[in-house]
Amino acid sequence: MKQKLIVLLSFFMICFSLGSNAQSRDTTSYFAGKWNVMIKGLPNGDTKMIVNLEKKDNSYSGAILDSTNTEISKFSKVERTGYSITVYFTAQGYDVSLTLDKKDEDHVVGNMMSMFEAEGERAKEK
């Protein structure tokens, strides 16, 4: 009887310890850094841009960059909910929103203005 109790307690301890280590990455810092994003189907064709998100305390700020890391437009507003983030900025005189959702650890999918498909990949440090 004692042996069965020890085996049962050991089983529960192993299950408990495995479950506690299976937690995912912190959602609050997932989007921090640079993302290479492709916007598909725009009137002038597909467009590549770099979304640079900086995390400060519990909020994000940042800007849209071109391929030479020159700032094109700062974000006027950033909203984050779980594994989704929406950035607002001005492009060619229009107020634009870009929503990105986590696909996996290094990829995002989303849309611009709820009309144009977006795909992104975390920029690798050189």
N, C-alpha and C. Protein backbone atom coordinates (compact mmCIF):
# COMPACT_ATOMS: atom_id res chain seq x y z
N MET A 1 0.82 -1.19 0.00
CA MET A 1 0.00 0.00 0.00
C MET A 1 0.87 1.26 0.00
N LYS A 2 1.94 1.24 0.82
CA LYS A 2 2.83 2.38 0.88
C LYS A 2 3.51 2.62 -0.46
N GLN A 3 3.86 1.55 -1.11
CA GLN A 3 4.55 1.66 -2.39
C GLN A 3 3.63 2.28 -3.46
N LYS A 4 2.37 1.91 -3.46
CA LYS A 4 1.41 2.49 -4.40
C LYS A 4 1.23 3.98 -4.14
N LEU A 5 1.19 4.36 -2.86
CA LEU A 5 1.03 5.76 -2.50
C LEU A 5 2.24 6.58 -2.96
N ILE A 6 3.43 6.03 -2.79
CA ILE A 6 4.65 6.72 -3.21
C ILE A 6 4.68 6.88 -4.73
N VAL A 7 4.30 5.85 -5.46
CA VAL A 7 4.26 5.92 -6.92
C VAL A 7 3.25 6.96 -7.37
N LEU A 8 2.07 6.98 -6.75
CA LEU A 8 1.03 7.93 -7.11
C LEU A 8 1.47 9.36 -6.81
N LEU A 9 2.06 9.60 -5.65
CA LEU A 9 2.55 10.94 -5.31
C LEU A 9 3.67 11.37 -6.26
N SER A 10 4.55 10.45 -6.60
CA SER A 10 5.63 10.77 -7.55
C SER A 10 5.06 11.17 -8.90
N PHE A 11 4.05 10.46 -9.36
CA PHE A 11 3.41 10.77 -10.64
C PHE A 11 2.83 12.18 -10.63
N PHE A 12 2.11 12.54 -9.55
CA PHE A 12 1.53 13.87 -9.46
C PHE A 12 2.60 14.96 -9.38
N MET A 13 3.68 14.69 -8.69
CA MET A 13 4.78 15.67 -8.59
C MET A 13 5.42 15.90 -9.96
N ILE A 14 5.61 14.84 -10.72
CA ILE A 14 6.21 14.98 -12.05
C ILE A 14 5.27 15.77 -12.96
N CYS A 15 3.98 15.43 -12.94
CA CYS A 15 3.01 16.16 -13.76
C CYS A 15 2.95 17.63 -13.37
N PHE A 16 2.98 17.92 -12.10
CA PHE A 16 2.93 19.30 -11.62
C PHE A 16 4.17 20.07 -12.06
N SER A 17 5.35 19.47 -11.94
CA SER A 17 6.58 20.17 -12.31
C SER A 17 6.66 20.39 -13.81
N LEU A 18 6.20 19.45 -14.63
CA LEU A 18 6.19 19.63 -16.08
C LEU A 18 5.21 20.72 -16.49
N GLY A 19 4.07 20.76 -15.86
CA GLY A 19 3.06 21.76 -16.17
C GLY A 19 3.51 23.16 -15.82
N SER A 20 4.25 23.33 -14.76
CA SER A 20 4.69 24.66 -14.36
C SER A 20 5.79 25.18 -15.27
N ASN A 21 6.56 24.32 -15.93
CA ASN A 21 7.61 24.76 -16.84
C ASN A 21 7.11 24.96 -18.26
N ALA A 22 5.88 24.62 -18.56
CA ALA A 22 5.36 24.68 -19.92
C ALA A 22 4.74 26.03 -20.25
N GLN A 23 5.03 27.06 -19.48
CA GLN A 23 4.45 28.37 -19.74
C GLN A 23 5.15 29.02 -20.92
N SER A 24 4.39 29.82 -21.68
CA SER A 24 4.93 30.45 -22.87
C SER A 24 5.66 31.75 -22.53
N ARG A 25 6.30 32.31 -23.56
CA ARG A 25 7.05 33.54 -23.43
C ARG A 25 6.15 34.68 -22.96
N ASP A 26 6.71 35.62 -22.26
CA ASP A 26 5.99 36.78 -21.74
C ASP A 26 5.31 37.55 -22.88
N THR A 27 3.99 37.69 -22.82
CA THR A 27 3.25 38.35 -23.90
C THR A 27 3.56 39.84 -23.96
N THR A 28 4.00 40.43 -22.86
CA THR A 28 4.21 41.88 -22.85
C THR A 28 5.43 42.31 -23.65
N SER A 29 6.38 41.42 -23.90
CA SER A 29 7.58 41.83 -24.63
C SER A 29 7.73 41.12 -25.97
N TYR A 30 6.75 40.37 -26.39
CA TYR A 30 6.85 39.61 -27.64
C TYR A 30 7.12 40.51 -28.84
N PHE A 31 6.44 41.64 -28.96
CA PHE A 31 6.55 42.49 -30.14
C PHE A 31 7.75 43.44 -30.13
N ALA A 32 8.46 43.54 -29.02
CA ALA A 32 9.58 44.47 -28.95
C ALA A 32 10.65 44.09 -29.96
N GLY A 33 11.19 45.09 -30.65
CA GLY A 33 12.25 44.89 -31.62
C GLY A 33 11.82 45.29 -33.02
N LYS A 34 12.62 44.88 -33.99
CA LYS A 34 12.34 45.23 -35.38
C LYS A 34 11.70 44.05 -36.10
N TRP A 35 10.72 44.38 -36.95
CA TRP A 35 10.00 43.38 -37.74
C TRP A 35 10.04 43.78 -39.20
N ASN A 36 10.43 42.87 -40.07
CA ASN A 36 10.38 43.07 -41.52
C ASN A 36 8.98 42.68 -41.96
N VAL A 37 8.20 43.65 -42.43
CA VAL A 37 6.80 43.42 -42.76
C VAL A 37 6.57 43.68 -44.24
N MET A 38 5.81 42.79 -44.88
CA MET A 38 5.42 42.93 -46.28
C MET A 38 3.92 43.17 -46.31
N ILE A 39 3.50 44.30 -46.92
CA ILE A 39 2.09 44.61 -47.09
C ILE A 39 1.75 44.25 -48.53
N LYS A 40 0.77 43.38 -48.71
CA LYS A 40 0.43 42.87 -50.04
C LYS A 40 -0.85 43.51 -50.58
N GLY A 41 -0.86 43.76 -51.90
CA GLY A 41 -2.06 44.22 -52.58
C GLY A 41 -2.31 45.71 -52.54
N LEU A 42 -1.32 46.51 -52.18
CA LEU A 42 -1.50 47.96 -52.20
C LEU A 42 -1.63 48.45 -53.64
N PRO A 43 -2.26 49.58 -53.87
CA PRO A 43 -2.42 50.09 -55.24
C PRO A 43 -1.10 50.22 -56.01
N ASN A 44 -0.02 50.57 -55.32
CA ASN A 44 1.28 50.71 -55.98
C ASN A 44 2.10 49.43 -55.91
N GLY A 45 1.50 48.32 -55.52
CA GLY A 45 2.19 47.04 -55.43
C GLY A 45 2.55 46.69 -54.00
N ASP A 46 3.12 45.52 -53.84
CA ASP A 46 3.54 45.07 -52.50
C ASP A 46 4.63 45.98 -51.96
N THR A 47 4.58 46.25 -50.67
CA THR A 47 5.52 47.17 -50.04
C THR A 47 6.17 46.52 -48.83
N LYS A 48 7.49 46.68 -48.73
CA LYS A 48 8.23 46.20 -47.55
C LYS A 48 8.51 47.39 -46.65
N MET A 49 8.40 47.15 -45.35
CA MET A 49 8.74 48.18 -44.36
C MET A 49 9.26 47.51 -43.11
N ILE A 50 9.94 48.28 -42.30
CA ILE A 50 10.43 47.79 -41.02
C ILE A 50 9.61 48.46 -39.92
N VAL A 51 9.01 47.65 -39.08
CA VAL A 51 8.25 48.14 -37.93
C VAL A 51 9.17 48.01 -36.73
N ASN A 52 9.53 49.14 -36.15
CA ASN A 52 10.44 49.17 -35.00
C ASN A 52 9.64 49.49 -33.75
N LEU A 53 9.48 48.50 -32.88
CA LEU A 53 8.71 48.68 -31.65
C LEU A 53 9.64 48.67 -30.44
N GLU A 54 9.52 49.70 -29.63
CA GLU A 54 10.32 49.80 -28.40
C GLU A 54 9.39 49.72 -27.22
N LYS A 55 9.73 48.87 -26.26
CA LYS A 55 8.90 48.70 -25.07
C LYS A 55 9.48 49.53 -23.94
N LYS A 56 8.66 50.38 -23.37
CA LYS A 56 9.04 51.21 -22.24
C LYS A 56 8.00 51.01 -21.15
N ASP A 57 8.42 50.46 -20.03
CA ASP A 57 7.51 50.12 -18.94
C ASP A 57 6.44 49.17 -19.47
N ASN A 58 5.18 49.58 -19.47
CA ASN A 58 4.10 48.72 -19.94
C ASN A 58 3.51 49.19 -21.25
N SER A 59 4.21 50.08 -21.97
CA SER A 59 3.67 50.59 -23.23
C SER A 59 4.72 50.48 -24.33
N TYR A 60 4.25 50.63 -25.55
CA TYR A 60 5.13 50.57 -26.72
C TYR A 60 5.15 51.92 -27.41
N SER A 61 6.25 52.18 -28.09
CA SER A 61 6.38 53.32 -28.99
C SER A 61 7.26 52.86 -30.13
N GLY A 62 7.45 53.71 -31.12
CA GLY A 62 8.32 53.31 -32.21
C GLY A 62 8.00 54.05 -33.48
N ALA A 63 8.43 53.45 -34.61
CA ALA A 63 8.27 54.10 -35.90
C ALA A 63 8.35 53.09 -37.03
N ILE A 64 7.92 53.55 -38.20
CA ILE A 64 8.10 52.80 -39.44
C ILE A 64 9.42 53.26 -40.04
N LEU A 65 10.26 52.29 -40.43
CA LEU A 65 11.57 52.60 -41.01
C LEU A 65 11.63 52.08 -42.44
N ASP A 66 12.50 52.70 -43.25
CA ASP A 66 12.72 52.17 -44.58
C ASP A 66 13.87 51.16 -44.53
N SER A 67 14.28 50.67 -45.68
CA SER A 67 15.30 49.60 -45.72
C SER A 67 16.68 50.07 -45.25
N THR A 68 16.90 51.38 -45.16
CA THR A 68 18.17 51.90 -44.66
C THR A 68 18.08 52.30 -43.19
N ASN A 69 17.00 51.89 -42.52
CA ASN A 69 16.73 52.21 -41.12
C ASN A 69 16.51 53.70 -40.88
N THR A 70 16.07 54.41 -41.91
CA THR A 70 15.71 55.82 -41.77
C THR A 70 14.23 55.89 -41.39
N GLU A 71 13.94 56.71 -40.39
CA GLU A 71 12.56 56.82 -39.90
C GLU A 71 11.67 57.47 -40.95
N ILE A 72 10.55 56.81 -41.24
CA ILE A 72 9.57 57.35 -42.18
C ILE A 72 8.46 58.05 -41.42
N SER A 73 7.92 57.37 -40.39
CA SER A 73 6.81 57.93 -39.63
C SER A 73 6.80 57.34 -38.22
N LYS A 74 6.65 58.22 -37.23
CA LYS A 74 6.52 57.76 -35.85
C LYS A 74 5.10 57.28 -35.60
N PHE A 75 4.95 56.37 -34.64
CA PHE A 75 3.63 55.90 -34.27
C PHE A 75 2.93 56.97 -33.44
N SER A 76 1.70 57.28 -33.80
CA SER A 76 0.92 58.22 -33.01
C SER A 76 0.24 57.52 -31.85
N LYS A 77 0.03 56.19 -32.01
CA LYS A 77 -0.64 55.41 -30.97
C LYS A 77 -0.30 53.94 -31.18
N VAL A 78 -0.17 53.20 -30.07
CA VAL A 78 0.07 51.75 -30.13
C VAL A 78 -0.86 51.08 -29.13
N GLU A 79 -1.61 50.09 -29.61
CA GLU A 79 -2.52 49.32 -28.75
C GLU A 79 -2.11 47.86 -28.78
N ARG A 80 -1.98 47.24 -27.59
CA ARG A 80 -1.62 45.84 -27.51
C ARG A 80 -2.65 45.09 -26.69
N THR A 81 -3.10 43.95 -27.21
CA THR A 81 -4.00 43.07 -26.48
C THR A 81 -3.52 41.63 -26.68
N GLY A 82 -3.00 41.02 -25.64
CA GLY A 82 -2.51 39.64 -25.74
C GLY A 82 -1.43 39.50 -26.79
N TYR A 83 -1.69 38.69 -27.80
CA TYR A 83 -0.72 38.46 -28.87
C TYR A 83 -1.11 39.22 -30.13
N SER A 84 -1.64 40.42 -29.97
CA SER A 84 -2.00 41.28 -31.10
C SER A 84 -1.58 42.70 -30.77
N ILE A 85 -1.09 43.41 -31.78
CA ILE A 85 -0.70 44.80 -31.58
C ILE A 85 -1.16 45.60 -32.79
N THR A 86 -1.64 46.83 -32.55
CA THR A 86 -2.05 47.72 -33.62
C THR A 86 -1.28 49.02 -33.47
N VAL A 87 -0.61 49.42 -34.56
CA VAL A 87 0.13 50.68 -34.56
C VAL A 87 -0.56 51.65 -35.50
N TYR A 88 -0.56 52.92 -35.12
CA TYR A 88 -1.19 53.97 -35.91
C TYR A 88 -0.11 54.96 -36.31
N PHE A 89 -0.10 55.35 -37.59
CA PHE A 89 0.89 56.30 -38.08
C PHE A 89 0.34 57.01 -39.31
N THR A 90 1.07 58.01 -39.81
CA THR A 90 0.65 58.76 -40.99
C THR A 90 1.55 58.38 -42.16
N ALA A 91 0.94 58.07 -43.31
CA ALA A 91 1.69 57.73 -44.52
C ALA A 91 1.05 58.43 -45.70
N GLN A 92 1.83 59.22 -46.43
CA GLN A 92 1.37 59.96 -47.60
C GLN A 92 0.12 60.77 -47.31
N GLY A 93 0.07 61.36 -46.11
CA GLY A 93 -1.03 62.22 -45.73
C GLY A 93 -2.26 61.51 -45.19
N TYR A 94 -2.21 60.19 -45.07
CA TYR A 94 -3.35 59.42 -44.56
C TYR A 94 -3.02 58.81 -43.20
N ASP A 95 -4.01 58.77 -42.32
CA ASP A 95 -3.86 58.07 -41.05
C ASP A 95 -4.04 56.58 -41.32
N VAL A 96 -3.06 55.78 -40.92
CA VAL A 96 -3.02 54.37 -41.26
C VAL A 96 -2.92 53.54 -39.98
N SER A 97 -3.58 52.38 -39.99
CA SER A 97 -3.41 51.43 -38.88
C SER A 97 -2.88 50.12 -39.44
N LEU A 98 -2.00 49.50 -38.66
CA LEU A 98 -1.41 48.21 -39.03
C LEU A 98 -1.56 47.29 -37.83
N THR A 99 -2.29 46.20 -38.02
CA THR A 99 -2.50 45.22 -36.95
C THR A 99 -1.67 43.99 -37.24
N LEU A 100 -0.91 43.53 -36.23
CA LEU A 100 -0.08 42.34 -36.34
C LEU A 100 -0.47 41.36 -35.23
N ASP A 101 -0.63 40.09 -35.61
CA ASP A 101 -0.96 39.03 -34.67
C ASP A 101 0.16 38.00 -34.67
N LYS A 102 0.46 37.46 -33.51
CA LYS A 102 1.51 36.44 -33.39
C LYS A 102 1.11 35.19 -34.18
N LYS A 103 2.05 34.71 -35.01
CA LYS A 103 1.86 33.44 -35.72
C LYS A 103 2.69 32.37 -35.03
N ASP A 104 3.96 32.65 -34.79
CA ASP A 104 4.85 31.81 -33.99
C ASP A 104 5.90 32.73 -33.37
N GLU A 105 6.96 32.19 -32.83
CA GLU A 105 7.93 33.00 -32.10
C GLU A 105 8.58 34.10 -32.94
N ASP A 106 8.74 33.90 -34.25
CA ASP A 106 9.43 34.87 -35.08
C ASP A 106 8.62 35.36 -36.27
N HIS A 107 7.31 35.09 -36.31
CA HIS A 107 6.48 35.50 -37.44
C HIS A 107 5.17 36.09 -36.97
N VAL A 108 4.69 37.09 -37.73
CA VAL A 108 3.40 37.70 -37.46
C VAL A 108 2.60 37.76 -38.76
N VAL A 109 1.30 37.82 -38.63
CA VAL A 109 0.40 38.04 -39.76
C VAL A 109 -0.58 39.13 -39.34
N GLY A 110 -1.20 39.77 -40.31
CA GLY A 110 -2.14 40.81 -39.95
C GLY A 110 -2.68 41.52 -41.16
N ASN A 111 -3.03 42.80 -40.95
CA ASN A 111 -3.58 43.58 -42.04
C ASN A 111 -3.33 45.06 -41.81
N MET A 112 -3.40 45.79 -42.92
CA MET A 112 -3.30 47.25 -42.86
C MET A 112 -4.66 47.79 -43.23
N MET A 113 -5.22 48.61 -42.37
CA MET A 113 -6.51 49.25 -42.58
C MET A 113 -7.63 48.24 -42.81
N SER A 114 -7.48 47.02 -42.33
CA SER A 114 -8.45 45.93 -42.50
C SER A 114 -8.73 45.62 -43.97
N MET A 115 -7.79 46.02 -44.86
CA MET A 115 -7.99 45.79 -46.29
C MET A 115 -6.84 45.03 -46.95
N PHE A 116 -5.62 45.26 -46.48
CA PHE A 116 -4.45 44.71 -47.14
C PHE A 116 -3.74 43.72 -46.23
N GLU A 117 -3.42 42.57 -46.75
CA GLU A 117 -2.77 41.50 -45.99
C GLU A 117 -1.33 41.89 -45.63
N ALA A 118 -0.92 41.51 -44.43
CA ALA A 118 0.44 41.79 -43.97
C ALA A 118 1.06 40.51 -43.42
N GLU A 119 2.34 40.32 -43.71
CA GLU A 119 3.13 39.21 -43.16
C GLU A 119 4.44 39.80 -42.67
N GLY A 120 4.91 39.29 -41.55
CA GLY A 120 6.15 39.83 -41.01
C GLY A 120 7.01 38.78 -40.36
N GLU A 121 8.30 39.11 -40.27
CA GLU A 121 9.29 38.24 -39.66
C GLU A 121 10.19 39.09 -38.77
N ARG A 122 10.52 38.57 -37.60
CA ARG A 122 11.41 39.28 -36.69
C ARG A 122 12.76 39.49 -37.37
N ALA A 123 13.27 40.71 -37.33
CA ALA A 123 14.55 41.02 -37.94
C ALA A 123 15.66 40.39 -37.09
N LYS A 124 16.55 39.69 -37.73
CA LYS A 124 17.67 39.03 -37.03
C LYS A 124 18.80 40.02 -36.83
N GLU A 125 19.38 40.00 -35.64
CA GLU A 125 20.54 40.85 -35.34
C GLU A 125 21.75 40.30 -36.06
N LYS A 126 22.53 41.18 -36.65
CA LYS A 126 23.73 40.75 -37.39
C LYS A 126 24.94 40.75 -36.50
